[in-house]
Amino acid sequence: MTVAVKNNNNTPLVVPKAIRRKAGFRSGQELEIKASGGVITIVPKPAAAGNEYTAAERRAVDRGISQSEKEYRAGKHAGPFATADEFLADLHRESANLGTKRKPARK
């Protein structure tokens, strides 16, 4: 779709509604406008990466990463494995050990 508009430096340049609709822009959506080499590009503004988690969620993620790093330093890790068979052998060894631990009897 092509629409011609007149550029007048005294008034703002307006993108016609039909063009915005065809591009899929919604009312209130933030847009990013770039100009380069005589071409103006308008694209939806990408979501900020820092806003994907709340502060509480970020703390929970950080705790999980910290715990994982602590376990890795303590030697509680497996792999890397050169083949799937090596991985399966290790998995079976570890699962066999799970049954050997006994819980204390309840009183």
Protein backbone atom coordinates (compact mmCIF):
# COMPACT_ATOMS: atom_id res chain seq x y z
CA MET A 1 0.00 0.00 0.00
CA THR A 2 1.34 3.42 -0.93
CA VAL A 3 0.00 6.76 0.27
CA ALA A 4 1.46 10.16 -0.60
CA VAL A 5 1.59 12.88 2.05
CA LYS A 6 3.03 16.40 1.81
CA ASN A 7 5.96 17.21 4.08
CA ASN A 8 5.42 20.63 5.64
CA ASN A 9 8.05 21.63 8.19
CA ASN A 10 5.44 23.64 10.14
CA THR A 11 3.21 20.64 10.94
CA PRO A 12 4.05 17.16 12.20
CA LEU A 13 4.36 14.33 9.72
CA VAL A 14 1.34 12.05 10.20
CA VAL A 15 1.24 8.38 9.23
CA PRO A 16 -2.25 7.73 7.83
CA LYS A 17 -4.50 5.41 9.84
CA ALA A 18 -4.81 2.92 6.94
CA ILE A 19 -1.01 2.52 6.84
CA ARG A 20 -0.76 2.07 10.64
CA ARG A 21 -3.53 -0.55 10.50
CA LYS A 22 -1.86 -2.36 7.58
CA ALA A 23 1.43 -2.42 9.57
CA GLY A 24 -0.39 -3.89 12.57
CA PHE A 25 0.35 -1.01 14.94
CA ARG A 26 -2.05 -0.71 17.88
CA SER A 27 -3.20 2.41 19.67
CA GLY A 28 -0.84 3.27 22.53
CA GLN A 29 1.91 0.97 21.26
CA GLU A 30 5.44 2.35 21.58
CA LEU A 31 7.23 2.70 18.26
CA GLU A 32 10.87 3.18 17.35
CA ILE A 33 11.63 5.57 14.48
CA LYS A 34 14.97 5.36 12.65
CA ALA A 35 16.26 7.51 9.80
CA SER A 36 19.13 6.53 7.52
CA GLY A 37 20.01 7.41 3.94
CA GLY A 38 16.76 9.22 3.15
CA VAL A 39 14.65 6.35 4.51
CA ILE A 40 12.51 6.47 7.66
CA THR A 41 11.79 3.14 9.32
CA ILE A 42 9.10 2.74 11.99
CA VAL A 43 9.08 -0.50 13.99
CA PRO A 44 7.50 -1.62 17.29
CA LYS A 45 9.78 -0.81 20.20
CA PRO A 46 11.24 -4.03 21.62
CA ALA A 47 10.40 -4.86 25.22
CA ALA A 48 13.09 -3.90 27.70
CA ALA A 49 15.04 -6.95 28.85
CA GLY A 50 15.22 -5.67 32.41
CA ASN A 51 11.45 -5.76 32.83
CA GLU A 52 10.94 -9.47 32.23
CA TYR A 53 11.09 -10.37 35.97
CA THR A 54 9.82 -8.69 39.11
CA ALA A 55 12.32 -7.96 41.86
CA ALA A 56 11.13 -11.00 43.85
CA GLU A 57 11.41 -13.26 40.79
CA ARG A 58 14.91 -11.93 40.07
CA ARG A 59 15.99 -12.69 43.68
CA ALA A 60 14.62 -16.24 43.36
CA VAL A 61 16.49 -16.76 40.07
CA ASP A 62 19.70 -15.38 41.62
CA ARG A 63 19.31 -17.71 44.63
CA GLY A 64 18.91 -20.70 42.29
CA ILE A 65 21.99 -19.74 40.28
CA SER A 66 24.01 -19.22 43.45
CA GLN A 67 22.94 -22.63 44.82
CA SER A 68 23.78 -24.31 41.52
CA GLU A 69 27.25 -22.72 41.44
CA LYS A 70 27.85 -23.80 45.06
CA GLU A 71 26.91 -27.41 44.25
CA TYR A 72 29.11 -27.38 41.14
CA ARG A 73 32.13 -26.15 43.14
CA ALA A 74 31.44 -28.92 45.69
CA GLY A 75 31.71 -31.50 42.93
CA LYS A 76 28.00 -32.29 42.72
CA HIS A 77 27.77 -32.42 38.96
CA ALA A 78 27.81 -34.92 36.15
CA GLY A 79 29.26 -34.82 32.67
CA PRO A 80 30.14 -33.70 30.17
CA PHE A 81 29.52 -36.91 28.34
CA ALA A 82 31.05 -37.86 25.01
CA THR A 83 28.12 -40.11 24.08
CA ALA A 84 24.52 -40.72 25.02
CA ASP A 85 25.55 -44.17 26.30
CA GLU A 86 27.96 -42.55 28.81
CA PHE A 87 25.14 -40.29 29.98
CA LEU A 88 22.72 -43.21 30.39
CA ALA A 89 25.31 -45.27 32.30
CA ASP A 90 25.85 -42.35 34.71
CA LEU A 91 22.11 -41.82 35.04
CA HIS A 92 21.56 -45.49 35.95
CA ARG A 93 24.43 -45.38 38.46
CA GLU A 94 22.96 -42.29 40.13
CA SER A 95 19.42 -43.67 40.19
CA ALA A 96 20.68 -46.92 41.79
CA ASN A 97 22.20 -44.82 44.59
CA LEU A 98 18.88 -43.14 45.28
CA GLY A 99 17.37 -46.36 46.62
CA THR A 100 20.21 -46.98 49.09
CA LYS A 101 19.46 -43.99 51.32
CA ARG A 102 17.15 -44.82 54.19
CA LYS A 103 14.97 -42.39 56.04
CA PRO A 104 15.04 -42.59 59.85
CA ALA A 105 12.09 -44.48 61.34
CA ARG A 106 9.32 -42.36 62.79
CA LYS A 107 8.62 -42.65 66.49
